[in-house]
Protein backbone atom coordinates (compact mmCIF):
# COMPACT_ATOMS: atom_id res chain seq x y z
CA MET A 1 13.21 37.52 -74.01
CA SER A 2 16.11 39.73 -72.97
CA GLU A 3 15.58 43.03 -71.25
CA ILE A 4 16.71 46.16 -73.06
CA PRO A 5 16.12 49.80 -72.16
CA ALA A 6 12.49 50.86 -72.71
CA GLU A 7 13.44 53.66 -75.09
CA LYS A 8 15.15 51.14 -77.40
CA ALA A 9 12.26 48.66 -77.61
CA VAL A 10 8.62 48.90 -78.57
CA VAL A 11 5.95 46.51 -77.35
CA LEU A 12 3.31 46.14 -80.04
CA ASP A 13 -0.16 47.46 -79.41
CA ALA A 14 -3.14 46.71 -81.67
CA LYS A 15 -2.39 49.66 -84.00
CA GLY A 16 1.27 48.75 -84.30
CA LEU A 17 0.46 45.10 -84.86
CA ARG A 18 -1.82 45.97 -87.77
CA ALA A 19 0.82 48.31 -89.23
CA LEU A 20 3.43 45.54 -89.17
CA ALA A 21 1.10 42.88 -90.56
CA HIS A 22 2.62 43.50 -94.01
CA PRO A 23 5.87 41.74 -94.98
CA VAL A 24 7.34 44.78 -96.78
CA ARG A 25 6.97 46.90 -93.65
CA VAL A 26 8.71 44.28 -91.51
CA GLN A 27 11.57 44.22 -94.04
CA LEU A 28 11.79 48.03 -94.24
CA LEU A 29 11.92 48.37 -90.48
CA GLY A 30 14.57 45.66 -90.30
CA LEU A 31 16.74 47.38 -92.92
CA LEU A 32 16.55 50.73 -91.13
CA ARG A 33 17.50 49.07 -87.84
CA LEU A 34 20.34 47.15 -89.40
CA HIS A 35 21.87 49.72 -91.76
CA GLY A 36 20.67 53.03 -90.32
CA PRO A 37 18.82 55.89 -92.01
CA ALA A 38 17.98 55.61 -95.70
CA THR A 39 15.78 57.07 -98.40
CA ALA A 40 12.79 55.32 -99.95
CA THR A 41 14.81 54.92 -103.16
CA GLN A 42 17.73 53.25 -101.36
CA LEU A 43 15.36 50.90 -99.54
CA ALA A 44 13.49 50.15 -102.77
CA ASP A 45 16.77 49.14 -104.43
CA ARG A 46 17.58 46.74 -101.59
CA LEU A 47 14.14 45.11 -101.74
CA GLY A 48 13.67 45.15 -105.51
CA LEU A 49 10.60 47.39 -105.28
CA ASN A 50 9.72 50.80 -106.70
CA SER A 51 10.27 53.87 -104.54
CA GLY A 52 6.56 54.75 -104.61
CA ALA A 53 5.72 51.50 -102.83
CA THR A 54 8.46 51.94 -100.22
CA SER A 55 7.40 55.57 -99.66
CA TYR A 56 3.84 54.44 -99.00
CA HIS A 57 4.92 51.75 -96.53
CA LEU A 58 7.33 54.14 -94.78
CA ARG A 59 4.49 56.61 -94.27
CA GLN A 60 2.37 53.82 -92.76
CA LEU A 61 5.23 52.88 -90.43
CA ALA A 62 5.64 56.54 -89.47
CA ALA A 63 1.94 56.88 -88.70
CA ALA A 64 2.26 53.91 -86.31
CA GLY A 65 5.38 55.37 -84.65
CA PHE A 66 7.97 52.87 -85.90
CA VAL A 67 9.97 55.20 -88.15
CA ALA A 68 10.49 58.96 -88.32
CA GLU A 69 11.88 61.36 -90.85
CA ASP A 70 15.59 61.97 -90.27
CA THR A 71 15.62 65.76 -90.49
CA GLU A 72 19.42 65.95 -90.19
CA ARG A 73 19.79 64.37 -93.62
CA GLY A 74 18.40 65.05 -97.05
CA ASN A 75 16.80 68.07 -98.61
CA ALA A 76 13.44 69.18 -100.01
CA ARG A 77 13.60 66.50 -102.74
CA GLU A 78 15.02 63.64 -100.69
CA ARG A 79 13.45 62.37 -97.45
CA TRP A 80 15.53 60.20 -95.18
CA TRP A 81 13.94 57.80 -92.70
CA ARG A 82 15.23 56.27 -89.47
CA SER A 83 13.96 53.61 -87.09
CA VAL A 84 12.61 54.91 -83.79
CA HIS A 85 13.35 51.72 -81.80
CA GLU A 86 15.96 48.96 -81.94
CA ARG A 87 13.64 46.03 -81.29
CA THR A 88 9.99 45.06 -81.44
CA ARG A 89 8.25 42.76 -78.98
CA LEU A 90 4.90 41.05 -79.35
CA GLU A 91 3.07 39.83 -76.25
CA ILE A 92 1.51 36.96 -78.17
CA ASP A 93 -0.89 35.85 -75.45
CA GLU A 94 -2.49 39.32 -75.41
CA PHE A 95 -3.28 39.33 -79.14
CA ALA A 96 -3.83 35.65 -79.95
CA GLU A 97 -7.55 35.97 -79.22
CA ARG A 98 -8.15 39.72 -79.58
CA GLU A 99 -6.37 40.33 -82.93
CA PRO A 100 -5.72 36.80 -84.27
CA GLU A 101 -5.52 37.73 -87.98
CA ALA A 102 -3.14 40.66 -87.44
CA ALA A 103 -0.98 38.66 -85.00
CA LEU A 104 -0.72 35.78 -87.47
CA ALA A 105 0.03 38.10 -90.41
CA TYR A 106 2.79 39.83 -88.41
CA LEU A 107 4.36 36.54 -87.30
CA GLN A 108 4.19 35.19 -90.87
CA SER A 109 5.99 38.34 -92.08
CA VAL A 110 8.70 37.84 -89.46
CA HIS A 111 9.00 34.17 -90.42
CA ASN A 112 9.33 35.10 -94.10
CA THR A 113 12.20 37.43 -93.21
CA TYR A 114 13.93 34.62 -91.29
CA THR A 115 13.42 32.28 -94.24
CA LEU A 116 14.92 34.83 -96.63
CA ARG A 117 18.00 35.25 -94.42
CA SER A 118 18.43 31.49 -94.16
CA GLN A 119 18.18 31.10 -97.94
CA GLN A 120 20.74 33.86 -98.50
CA ALA A 121 23.16 32.12 -96.12
CA LEU A 122 22.61 28.78 -97.84
CA ASN A 123 23.16 30.36 -101.26
CA GLY A 124 26.51 31.69 -100.07
CA LEU A 125 27.60 28.62 -98.13
CA GLN A 126 30.02 27.25 -100.73
CA THR A 127 31.84 30.55 -101.13
CA MET A 128 31.85 31.31 -97.40
CA PRO A 129 35.29 31.25 -95.74
CA ARG A 130 36.00 27.88 -94.17
CA THR A 131 36.10 29.31 -90.63
CA TRP A 132 32.53 30.57 -91.08
CA ARG A 133 31.38 27.27 -92.65
CA GLU A 134 32.68 25.53 -89.54
CA ALA A 135 30.64 27.91 -87.36
CA PHE A 136 27.50 27.55 -89.50
CA ASP A 137 24.66 25.63 -87.88
CA MET A 138 21.13 24.85 -88.98
CA SER A 139 19.70 22.21 -86.71
CA ASP A 140 16.75 21.41 -84.53
CA ALA A 141 15.95 19.38 -81.45
CA ALA A 142 12.69 17.77 -80.42
CA LEU A 143 12.23 18.08 -76.65
CA ARG A 144 9.42 17.15 -74.27
CA LEU A 145 8.83 20.18 -72.04
CA THR A 146 6.10 21.74 -69.99
CA PRO A 147 5.10 25.32 -70.87
CA ALA A 148 7.01 26.52 -67.79
CA GLN A 149 10.15 24.63 -68.88
CA ALA A 150 9.83 26.06 -72.42
CA ARG A 151 9.67 29.61 -71.02
CA GLU A 152 12.65 28.90 -68.74
CA MET A 153 14.68 27.53 -71.66
CA ARG A 154 13.80 30.58 -73.79
CA THR A 155 14.99 32.89 -70.99
CA GLU A 156 18.26 30.94 -70.68
CA ILE A 157 18.86 31.09 -74.44
CA TRP A 158 18.35 34.87 -74.42
CA SER A 159 20.77 35.26 -71.50
CA VAL A 160 23.43 33.51 -73.60
CA ILE A 161 22.67 35.77 -76.58
CA ASP A 162 22.91 38.82 -74.32
CA ARG A 163 26.38 37.72 -73.19
CA TYR A 164 27.59 38.00 -76.80
CA ARG A 165 25.76 41.24 -77.58
CA ARG A 166 28.10 44.21 -77.39
CA ALA A 167 27.03 47.36 -75.62
CA ASP A 168 26.72 50.52 -77.71
CA GLY A 169 30.16 51.77 -78.64
CA ALA A 170 31.98 48.59 -77.59
CA GLN A 171 34.78 47.63 -79.95
CA GLU A 172 34.31 44.50 -82.01
CA PRO A 173 37.02 41.85 -81.81
CA PRO A 174 39.08 41.28 -84.98
CA GLY A 175 37.28 39.06 -87.49
CA ALA A 176 33.80 39.82 -86.12
CA GLU A 177 31.00 39.64 -88.70
CA ARG A 178 27.24 39.95 -88.35
CA VAL A 179 25.64 36.63 -87.35
CA TRP A 180 21.88 36.03 -87.24
CA VAL A 181 20.57 33.91 -84.39
CA ASN A 182 16.90 33.00 -84.81
CA VAL A 183 15.20 31.58 -81.74
CA HIS A 184 12.10 29.47 -82.27
CA VAL A 185 10.28 27.69 -79.48
CA LEU A 186 7.51 25.98 -81.43
CA PRO A 187 5.08 23.66 -79.65
CA GLU A 188 4.03 20.75 -81.83
CA VAL A 189 0.48 21.69 -82.80
CA GLU A 190 -1.00 18.17 -82.84
CA THR A 191 0.37 17.46 -79.37
CA THR A 192 -0.85 20.72 -77.82
CA GLU A 193 -4.31 20.28 -79.34
CA GLN A 194 -4.56 16.77 -77.87
CA ASP A 195 -3.43 18.05 -74.46
CA ALA A 196 -6.11 20.76 -74.55
CA ASP A 197 -8.79 18.15 -75.25
CA ASP A 198 -7.76 15.92 -72.32
């Protein structure tokens, strides 16, 4: 995965992993990172929830260090929240055995978010401008790789993504829109289980 400054990324520990093992919290954190500070009511409207539920989940995220109250906004009646980091990283090998349920719940929440984004793009495909339909891609490729080759390919993919990522404050070119790039390197389970038995 690409390298970003330490103050902009958080590597999940056991406490953070358990805090993010809820799909609403993953979505809340994503919205704050994407759109900036917001109130529980604003976030509830975006997610179709009630503000009491979002307030509860925001407090849980705050307790784990993912969000903080934005004291420069709001008043005594209205609390604003902001994300503390820009990205979250999970060292999967560290938690696969030690916290398997929490790691799986977190990854399922992330996957659900990706699925929601994909569905939203598909729902808007017919009304999307032609230039964006031509850029649209949803495809896969079955490769035969060693674990080392898979890691090398993942690193290369992230270096390409980093080339297109603009530094803070860099001006966007005309016509730029937000584009989601989801990277999945998914070993085929049946194959890896057979290899482990050999």
